[in-house]
Amino acid sequence: MNLFTVVGSCTGWYKTCTEALQRYQSEVVTADEAIRQKEREMYMKELETELKDLKEANVGSGAEGLLRHIYKAYPPKNPEHKLNDKDLDERAKVKKTLLTAIQHYHPDKQDKEKHGKKWAVLCEEITKLLNGRYETYKCCSSTE
């Protein structure tokens, strides 16, 4: 910390400028978030059928069935990301497979420029479902 920071932070103009800058930054973040949310809502409407399908698969089957359904109906864009059916036989492996699937579908790992924002929104919803299933496995796991 230099002398100006110590002396400047005590003066009225410095505090006024700092508060104004913080207000401006907050307004920009709020406006950006509103735009992002509006865009997301548009994609959510377009994805109604897929989201309904995912909810039905989530309710109608266990984690193994959900994973099989997601990888079959909405395969990851990276051809190297595949589901290994052998890993769905044991509970501990299912838990690890859920973590792997979360990595495959995580919205931050998706190339929005290449695959589109609609795919990223779908991946975000898939990741929410997978996280919910993982939390169930994590909480109910007695040996780990």
N, C-alpha and C. Protein backbone atom coordinates (compact mmCIF):
# COMPACT_ATOMS: atom_id res chain seq x y z
N MET A 1 0.85 -1.16 0.00
CA MET A 1 0.00 0.00 0.00
C MET A 1 0.90 1.24 0.00
N ASN A 2 0.63 2.17 -0.89
CA ASN A 2 1.45 3.37 -0.93
C ASN A 2 0.81 4.51 -0.14
N LEU A 3 1.54 5.60 -0.01
CA LEU A 3 1.08 6.73 0.80
C LEU A 3 -0.18 7.34 0.22
N PHE A 4 -0.30 7.40 -1.12
CA PHE A 4 -1.48 8.00 -1.73
C PHE A 4 -2.74 7.20 -1.37
N THR A 5 -2.62 5.89 -1.36
CA THR A 5 -3.78 5.06 -1.04
C THR A 5 -4.25 5.35 0.38
N VAL A 6 -3.34 5.47 1.29
CA VAL A 6 -3.71 5.73 2.68
C VAL A 6 -4.31 7.13 2.81
N VAL A 7 -3.64 8.14 2.26
CA VAL A 7 -4.11 9.52 2.37
C VAL A 7 -5.34 9.73 1.50
N GLY A 8 -5.31 9.21 0.27
CA GLY A 8 -6.41 9.41 -0.67
C GLY A 8 -7.70 8.76 -0.21
N SER A 9 -7.59 7.63 0.45
CA SER A 9 -8.81 6.93 0.88
C SER A 9 -9.54 7.67 1.99
N CYS A 10 -8.88 8.62 2.61
CA CYS A 10 -9.50 9.37 3.70
C CYS A 10 -10.18 10.64 3.20
N THR A 11 -9.94 11.01 1.97
CA THR A 11 -10.51 12.26 1.47
C THR A 11 -11.89 12.01 0.87
N GLY A 12 -12.71 13.04 0.90
CA GLY A 12 -14.09 12.94 0.43
C GLY A 12 -14.20 12.61 -1.04
N TRP A 13 -13.38 13.26 -1.88
CA TRP A 13 -13.48 13.02 -3.33
C TRP A 13 -13.14 11.58 -3.68
N TYR A 14 -12.18 11.00 -2.96
CA TYR A 14 -11.78 9.62 -3.23
C TYR A 14 -12.93 8.66 -2.91
N LYS A 15 -13.56 8.90 -1.76
CA LYS A 15 -14.68 8.04 -1.37
C LYS A 15 -15.83 8.19 -2.35
N THR A 16 -16.12 9.41 -2.78
CA THR A 16 -17.20 9.66 -3.73
C THR A 16 -16.93 8.95 -5.05
N CYS A 17 -15.71 9.07 -5.54
CA CYS A 17 -15.34 8.41 -6.80
C CYS A 17 -15.41 6.89 -6.68
N THR A 18 -14.94 6.37 -5.58
CA THR A 18 -14.96 4.92 -5.36
C THR A 18 -16.40 4.40 -5.32
N GLU A 19 -17.26 5.10 -4.61
CA GLU A 19 -18.67 4.70 -4.52
C GLU A 19 -19.34 4.78 -5.88
N ALA A 20 -19.05 5.83 -6.65
CA ALA A 20 -19.64 5.98 -7.98
C ALA A 20 -19.19 4.85 -8.90
N LEU A 21 -17.91 4.51 -8.83
CA LEU A 21 -17.38 3.43 -9.66
C LEU A 21 -18.02 2.09 -9.27
N GLN A 22 -18.17 1.84 -7.99
CA GLN A 22 -18.80 0.60 -7.54
C GLN A 22 -20.26 0.53 -7.99
N ARG A 23 -20.99 1.65 -7.92
CA ARG A 23 -22.38 1.68 -8.40
C ARG A 23 -22.44 1.37 -9.89
N TYR A 24 -21.56 2.00 -10.66
CA TYR A 24 -21.52 1.78 -12.10
C TYR A 24 -21.22 0.32 -12.43
N GLN A 25 -20.22 -0.25 -11.76
CA GLN A 25 -19.87 -1.65 -12.01
C GLN A 25 -21.04 -2.57 -11.65
N SER A 26 -21.72 -2.26 -10.57
CA SER A 26 -22.87 -3.07 -10.16
C SER A 26 -24.00 -2.97 -11.20
N GLU A 27 -24.24 -1.78 -11.72
CA GLU A 27 -25.27 -1.59 -12.75
C GLU A 27 -24.93 -2.35 -14.03
N VAL A 28 -23.67 -2.34 -14.41
CA VAL A 28 -23.24 -3.06 -15.61
C VAL A 28 -23.43 -4.56 -15.43
N VAL A 29 -23.04 -5.07 -14.28
CA VAL A 29 -23.20 -6.50 -14.00
C VAL A 29 -24.68 -6.87 -14.01
N THR A 30 -25.53 -6.05 -13.40
CA THR A 30 -26.96 -6.31 -13.36
C THR A 30 -27.56 -6.30 -14.77
N ALA A 31 -27.16 -5.33 -15.59
CA ALA A 31 -27.66 -5.25 -16.96
C ALA A 31 -27.21 -6.46 -17.78
N ASP A 32 -25.94 -6.84 -17.64
CA ASP A 32 -25.43 -8.01 -18.35
C ASP A 32 -26.16 -9.28 -17.94
N GLU A 33 -26.43 -9.41 -16.65
CA GLU A 33 -27.14 -10.59 -16.14
C GLU A 33 -28.57 -10.63 -16.67
N ALA A 34 -29.22 -9.47 -16.76
CA ALA A 34 -30.58 -9.42 -17.28
C ALA A 34 -30.62 -9.85 -18.75
N ILE A 35 -29.64 -9.43 -19.53
CA ILE A 35 -29.55 -9.82 -20.93
C ILE A 35 -29.31 -11.32 -21.04
N ARG A 36 -28.41 -11.84 -20.23
CA ARG A 36 -28.11 -13.27 -20.24
C ARG A 36 -29.34 -14.09 -19.85
N GLN A 37 -30.06 -13.63 -18.85
CA GLN A 37 -31.25 -14.33 -18.38
C GLN A 37 -32.35 -14.32 -19.45
N LYS A 38 -32.52 -13.21 -20.13
CA LYS A 38 -33.53 -13.11 -21.19
C LYS A 38 -33.19 -14.07 -22.33
N GLU A 39 -31.92 -14.11 -22.71
CA GLU A 39 -31.46 -15.02 -23.76
C GLU A 39 -31.65 -16.47 -23.33
N ARG A 40 -31.36 -16.76 -22.08
CA ARG A 40 -31.52 -18.11 -21.55
C ARG A 40 -32.98 -18.55 -21.58
N GLU A 41 -33.88 -17.65 -21.21
CA GLU A 41 -35.32 -17.94 -21.24
C GLU A 41 -35.77 -18.30 -22.65
N MET A 42 -35.23 -17.60 -23.64
CA MET A 42 -35.58 -17.88 -25.03
C MET A 42 -35.18 -19.32 -25.39
N TYR A 43 -33.98 -19.70 -25.00
CA TYR A 43 -33.51 -21.06 -25.29
C TYR A 43 -34.29 -22.10 -24.48
N MET A 44 -34.67 -21.75 -23.27
CA MET A 44 -35.44 -22.68 -22.45
C MET A 44 -36.79 -22.99 -23.12
N LYS A 45 -37.40 -21.99 -23.74
CA LYS A 45 -38.66 -22.22 -24.46
C LYS A 45 -38.43 -23.14 -25.66
N GLU A 46 -37.32 -22.92 -26.36
CA GLU A 46 -37.00 -23.76 -27.51
C GLU A 46 -36.71 -25.20 -27.09
N LEU A 47 -36.23 -25.38 -25.89
CA LEU A 47 -35.82 -26.71 -25.39
C LEU A 47 -36.89 -27.40 -24.54
N GLU A 48 -38.12 -26.90 -24.59
CA GLU A 48 -39.18 -27.47 -23.74
C GLU A 48 -39.31 -28.98 -23.91
N THR A 49 -39.30 -29.45 -25.15
CA THR A 49 -39.45 -30.89 -25.41
C THR A 49 -38.30 -31.68 -24.80
N GLU A 50 -37.08 -31.21 -25.02
CA GLU A 50 -35.91 -31.90 -24.49
C GLU A 50 -35.90 -31.89 -22.96
N LEU A 51 -36.30 -30.76 -22.38
CA LEU A 51 -36.31 -30.65 -20.92
C LEU A 51 -37.37 -31.57 -20.31
N LYS A 52 -38.52 -31.67 -20.97
CA LYS A 52 -39.56 -32.58 -20.51
C LYS A 52 -39.06 -34.02 -20.58
N ASP A 53 -38.38 -34.35 -21.67
CA ASP A 53 -37.80 -35.69 -21.84
C ASP A 53 -36.80 -35.99 -20.74
N LEU A 54 -35.95 -35.03 -20.43
CA LEU A 54 -34.95 -35.22 -19.38
C LEU A 54 -35.60 -35.41 -18.01
N LYS A 55 -36.63 -34.63 -17.71
CA LYS A 55 -37.31 -34.76 -16.42
C LYS A 55 -37.96 -36.14 -16.29
N GLU A 56 -38.58 -36.60 -17.39
CA GLU A 56 -39.20 -37.93 -17.37
C GLU A 56 -38.15 -39.02 -17.16
N ALA A 57 -37.01 -38.89 -17.82
CA ALA A 57 -35.92 -39.86 -17.64
C ALA A 57 -35.37 -39.81 -16.23
N ASN A 58 -35.34 -38.64 -15.64
CA ASN A 58 -34.83 -38.48 -14.28
C ASN A 58 -35.76 -39.11 -13.27
N VAL A 59 -37.05 -38.96 -13.47
CA VAL A 59 -38.03 -39.51 -12.54
C VAL A 59 -38.23 -41.00 -12.78
N GLY A 60 -38.21 -41.39 -14.03
CA GLY A 60 -38.57 -42.75 -14.39
C GLY A 60 -37.49 -43.80 -14.23
N SER A 61 -36.29 -43.40 -13.89
CA SER A 61 -35.22 -44.38 -13.79
C SER A 61 -34.20 -43.95 -12.75
N GLY A 62 -33.32 -44.88 -12.41
CA GLY A 62 -32.25 -44.57 -11.48
C GLY A 62 -31.15 -43.80 -12.19
N ALA A 63 -30.06 -43.60 -11.50
CA ALA A 63 -28.93 -42.87 -12.07
C ALA A 63 -28.40 -43.57 -13.31
N GLU A 64 -28.40 -44.89 -13.28
CA GLU A 64 -27.88 -45.65 -14.42
C GLU A 64 -28.73 -45.39 -15.66
N GLY A 65 -30.05 -45.44 -15.49
CA GLY A 65 -30.97 -45.20 -16.60
C GLY A 65 -30.87 -43.77 -17.11
N LEU A 66 -30.73 -42.83 -16.19
CA LEU A 66 -30.60 -41.42 -16.58
C LEU A 66 -29.33 -41.23 -17.40
N LEU A 67 -28.23 -41.79 -16.94
CA LEU A 67 -26.97 -41.67 -17.68
C LEU A 67 -27.08 -42.27 -19.07
N ARG A 68 -27.66 -43.47 -19.16
CA ARG A 68 -27.82 -44.12 -20.47
C ARG A 68 -28.67 -43.25 -21.40
N HIS A 69 -29.75 -42.72 -20.85
CA HIS A 69 -30.65 -41.89 -21.66
C HIS A 69 -29.95 -40.62 -22.15
N ILE A 70 -29.26 -39.95 -21.26
CA ILE A 70 -28.59 -38.69 -21.63
C ILE A 70 -27.55 -38.94 -22.71
N TYR A 71 -26.71 -39.95 -22.53
CA TYR A 71 -25.65 -40.21 -23.51
C TYR A 71 -26.22 -40.69 -24.85
N LYS A 72 -27.38 -41.35 -24.82
CA LYS A 72 -27.98 -41.82 -26.07
C LYS A 72 -28.73 -40.69 -26.78
N ALA A 73 -29.56 -39.96 -26.04
CA ALA A 73 -30.39 -38.92 -26.65
C ALA A 73 -29.64 -37.61 -26.90
N TYR A 74 -28.68 -37.30 -26.05
CA TYR A 74 -27.94 -36.02 -26.14
C TYR A 74 -26.45 -36.29 -25.99
N PRO A 75 -25.85 -36.99 -26.94
CA PRO A 75 -24.43 -37.35 -26.78
C PRO A 75 -23.54 -36.10 -26.72
N PRO A 76 -22.48 -36.17 -25.93
CA PRO A 76 -21.55 -35.04 -25.86
C PRO A 76 -20.97 -34.73 -27.24
N LYS A 77 -20.64 -33.49 -27.47
CA LYS A 77 -20.11 -33.07 -28.77
C LYS A 77 -18.68 -33.58 -28.99
N ASN A 78 -17.97 -33.82 -27.91
CA ASN A 78 -16.62 -34.37 -28.03
C ASN A 78 -16.75 -35.88 -28.25
N PRO A 79 -16.29 -36.38 -29.41
CA PRO A 79 -16.45 -37.81 -29.71
C PRO A 79 -15.70 -38.73 -28.75
N GLU A 80 -14.75 -38.23 -28.02
CA GLU A 80 -14.00 -39.04 -27.05
C GLU A 80 -14.79 -39.28 -25.76
N HIS A 81 -15.81 -38.47 -25.52
CA HIS A 81 -16.61 -38.58 -24.30
C HIS A 81 -17.72 -39.59 -24.53
N LYS A 82 -17.51 -40.77 -24.00
CA LYS A 82 -18.48 -41.85 -24.16
C LYS A 82 -18.82 -42.44 -22.80
N LEU A 83 -19.98 -43.05 -22.73
CA LEU A 83 -20.42 -43.72 -21.52
C LEU A 83 -19.94 -45.17 -21.56
N ASN A 84 -19.30 -45.60 -20.50
CA ASN A 84 -18.86 -46.99 -20.39
C ASN A 84 -19.92 -47.74 -19.58
N ASP A 85 -20.72 -48.57 -20.27
CA ASP A 85 -21.81 -49.29 -19.60
C ASP A 85 -21.31 -50.20 -18.48
N LYS A 86 -20.08 -50.66 -18.57
CA LYS A 86 -19.54 -51.54 -17.54
C LYS A 86 -19.42 -50.82 -16.20
N ASP A 87 -19.26 -49.50 -16.25
CA ASP A 87 -19.11 -48.72 -15.02
C ASP A 87 -20.43 -48.51 -14.29
N LEU A 88 -21.54 -48.95 -14.89
CA LEU A 88 -22.84 -48.74 -14.26
C LEU A 88 -23.29 -49.94 -13.43
N ASP A 89 -22.41 -50.93 -13.29
CA ASP A 89 -22.77 -52.14 -12.55
C ASP A 89 -22.59 -52.01 -11.04
N GLU A 90 -21.60 -51.27 -10.62
CA GLU A 90 -21.31 -51.13 -9.19
C GLU A 90 -21.63 -49.71 -8.73
N ARG A 91 -22.13 -49.61 -7.50
CA ARG A 91 -22.53 -48.31 -6.96
C ARG A 91 -21.37 -47.30 -6.96
N ALA A 92 -20.20 -47.71 -6.54
CA ALA A 92 -19.05 -46.80 -6.48
C ALA A 92 -18.68 -46.31 -7.88
N LYS A 93 -18.79 -47.20 -8.85
CA LYS A 93 -18.47 -46.80 -10.22
C LYS A 93 -19.54 -45.88 -10.80
N VAL A 94 -20.78 -46.06 -10.39
CA VAL A 94 -21.86 -45.18 -10.86
C VAL A 94 -21.58 -43.75 -10.36
N LYS A 95 -21.17 -43.66 -9.12
CA LYS A 95 -20.84 -42.35 -8.54
C LYS A 95 -19.73 -41.67 -9.34
N LYS A 96 -18.69 -42.43 -9.67
CA LYS A 96 -17.59 -41.88 -10.45
C LYS A 96 -18.04 -41.54 -11.88
N THR A 97 -18.91 -42.36 -12.45
CA THR A 97 -19.44 -42.10 -13.79
C THR A 97 -20.28 -40.83 -13.80
N LEU A 98 -21.03 -40.59 -12.73
CA LEU A 98 -21.78 -39.34 -12.62
C LEU A 98 -20.84 -38.14 -12.64
N LEU A 99 -19.74 -38.23 -11.90
CA LEU A 99 -18.76 -37.13 -11.91
C LEU A 99 -18.18 -36.91 -13.30
N THR A 100 -17.88 -38.01 -13.99
CA THR A 100 -17.34 -37.91 -15.34
C THR A 100 -18.36 -37.27 -16.28
N ALA A 101 -19.62 -37.67 -16.15
CA ALA A 101 -20.68 -37.10 -16.99
C ALA A 101 -20.85 -35.61 -16.71
N ILE A 102 -20.75 -35.23 -15.45
CA ILE A 102 -20.84 -33.81 -15.10
C ILE A 102 -19.73 -33.04 -15.81
N GLN A 103 -18.54 -33.60 -15.86
CA GLN A 103 -17.44 -32.95 -16.57
C GLN A 103 -17.72 -32.88 -18.07
N HIS A 104 -18.29 -33.94 -18.63
CA HIS A 104 -18.57 -33.97 -20.07
C HIS A 104 -19.61 -32.92 -20.47
N TYR A 105 -20.59 -32.71 -19.62
CA TYR A 105 -21.71 -31.82 -19.96
C TYR A 105 -21.63 -30.45 -19.29
N HIS A 106 -20.62 -30.21 -18.50
CA HIS A 106 -20.54 -28.93 -17.78
C HIS A 106 -20.59 -27.77 -18.78
N PRO A 107 -21.46 -26.78 -18.55
CA PRO A 107 -21.62 -25.68 -19.51
C PRO A 107 -20.35 -24.87 -19.75
N ASP A 108 -19.48 -24.79 -18.76
CA ASP A 108 -18.23 -24.04 -18.95
C ASP A 108 -17.26 -24.77 -19.89
N LYS A 109 -17.47 -26.07 -20.06
CA LYS A 109 -16.59 -26.87 -20.93
C LYS A 109 -17.11 -26.91 -22.37
N GLN A 110 -18.27 -26.32 -22.63
CA GLN A 110 -18.86 -26.36 -23.97
C GLN A 110 -18.38 -25.19 -24.80
N ASP A 111 -18.14 -25.45 -26.08
CA ASP A 111 -17.73 -24.40 -27.01
C ASP A 111 -18.99 -23.74 -27.57
N LYS A 112 -19.38 -22.62 -26.98
CA LYS A 112 -20.61 -21.94 -27.38
C LYS A 112 -20.54 -21.42 -28.80
N GLU A 113 -19.35 -21.04 -29.24
CA GLU A 113 -19.18 -20.54 -30.60
C GLU A 113 -19.38 -21.66 -31.62
N LYS A 114 -18.87 -22.83 -31.30
CA LYS A 114 -18.92 -23.95 -32.23
C LYS A 114 -20.27 -24.69 -32.18
N HIS A 115 -20.80 -24.91 -30.98
CA HIS A 115 -22.00 -25.73 -30.81
C HIS A 115 -23.25 -24.92 -30.51
N GLY A 116 -23.10 -23.65 -30.27
CA GLY A 116 -24.25 -22.78 -30.03
C GLY A 116 -24.62 -22.65 -28.56
N LYS A 117 -25.28 -21.56 -28.26
CA LYS A 117 -25.68 -21.29 -26.88
C LYS A 117 -26.84 -22.19 -26.46
N LYS A 118 -27.64 -22.62 -27.42
CA LYS A 118 -28.75 -23.53 -27.11
C LYS A 118 -28.20 -24.83 -26.52
N TRP A 119 -27.12 -25.35 -27.11
CA TRP A 119 -26.48 -26.56 -26.59
C TRP A 119 -25.94 -26.30 -25.18
N ALA A 120 -25.36 -25.13 -24.97
CA ALA A 120 -24.80 -24.80 -23.65
C ALA A 120 -25.90 -24.75 -22.60
N VAL A 121 -27.07 -24.20 -22.95
CA VAL A 121 -28.19 -24.14 -22.00
C VAL A 121 -28.68 -25.56 -21.70
N LEU A 122 -28.78 -26.40 -22.74
CA LEU A 122 -29.18 -27.79 -22.53
C LEU A 122 -28.17 -28.50 -21.61
N CYS A 123 -26.90 -28.27 -21.85
CA CYS A 123 -25.86 -28.88 -21.00
C CYS A 123 -25.97 -28.40 -19.56
N GLU A 124 -26.33 -27.14 -19.39
CA GLU A 124 -26.52 -26.60 -18.04
C GLU A 124 -27.64 -27.36 -17.32
N GLU A 125 -28.72 -27.62 -18.02
CA GLU A 125 -29.84 -28.35 -17.41
C GLU A 125 -29.47 -29.81 -17.16
N ILE A 126 -28.75 -30.42 -18.08
CA ILE A 126 -28.29 -31.79 -17.88
C ILE A 126 -27.38 -31.86 -16.66
N THR A 127 -26.49 -30.90 -16.54
CA THR A 127 -25.56 -30.86 -15.41
C THR A 127 -26.31 -30.71 -14.09
N LYS A 128 -27.38 -29.93 -14.07
CA LYS A 128 -28.18 -29.79 -12.85
C LYS A 128 -28.76 -31.15 -12.43
N LEU A 129 -29.29 -31.88 -13.40
CA LEU A 129 -29.85 -33.20 -13.10
C LEU A 129 -28.77 -34.15 -12.59
N LEU A 130 -27.64 -34.15 -13.27
CA LEU A 130 -26.54 -35.03 -12.88
C LEU A 130 -26.01 -34.67 -11.50
N ASN A 131 -25.92 -33.38 -11.21
CA ASN A 131 -25.48 -32.95 -9.87
C ASN A 131 -26.45 -33.42 -8.80
N GLY A 132 -27.74 -33.34 -9.09
CA GLY A 132 -28.74 -33.83 -8.14
C GLY A 132 -28.58 -35.31 -7.86
N ARG A 133 -28.36 -36.08 -8.92
CA ARG A 133 -28.14 -37.52 -8.75
C ARG A 133 -26.85 -37.80 -7.98
N TYR A 134 -25.81 -37.04 -8.29
CA TYR A 134 -24.54 -37.23 -7.60
C TYR A 134 -24.69 -36.93 -6.11
N GLU A 135 -25.39 -35.86 -5.78
CA GLU A 135 -25.60 -35.51 -4.37
C GLU A 135 -26.34 -36.64 -3.64
N THR A 136 -27.29 -37.26 -4.32
CA THR A 136 -28.01 -38.38 -3.73
C THR A 136 -27.05 -39.53 -3.44
N TYR A 137 -26.19 -39.82 -4.40
CA TYR A 137 -25.22 -40.90 -4.20
C TYR A 137 -24.22 -40.54 -3.11
N LYS A 138 -23.81 -39.28 -3.08
CA LYS A 138 -22.84 -38.84 -2.10
C LYS A 138 -23.42 -38.92 -0.68
N CYS A 139 -24.67 -38.48 -0.53
CA CYS A 139 -25.30 -38.49 0.79
C CYS A 139 -25.64 -39.89 1.27
N CYS A 140 -26.03 -40.74 0.35
CA CYS A 140 -26.49 -42.08 0.74
C CYS A 140 -25.36 -43.10 0.78
N SER A 141 -24.17 -42.68 0.42
CA SER A 141 -23.04 -43.60 0.39
C SER A 141 -22.58 -43.88 1.82
N SER A 142 -22.61 -45.14 2.20
CA SER A 142 -22.23 -45.47 3.58
C SER A 142 -20.79 -45.94 3.70
N THR A 143 -20.22 -46.43 2.59
CA THR A 143 -18.86 -46.96 2.66
C THR A 143 -17.81 -45.93 2.31
N GLU A 144 -18.21 -44.79 1.72
CA GLU A 144 -17.22 -43.80 1.31
C GLU A 144 -17.33 -42.54 2.10
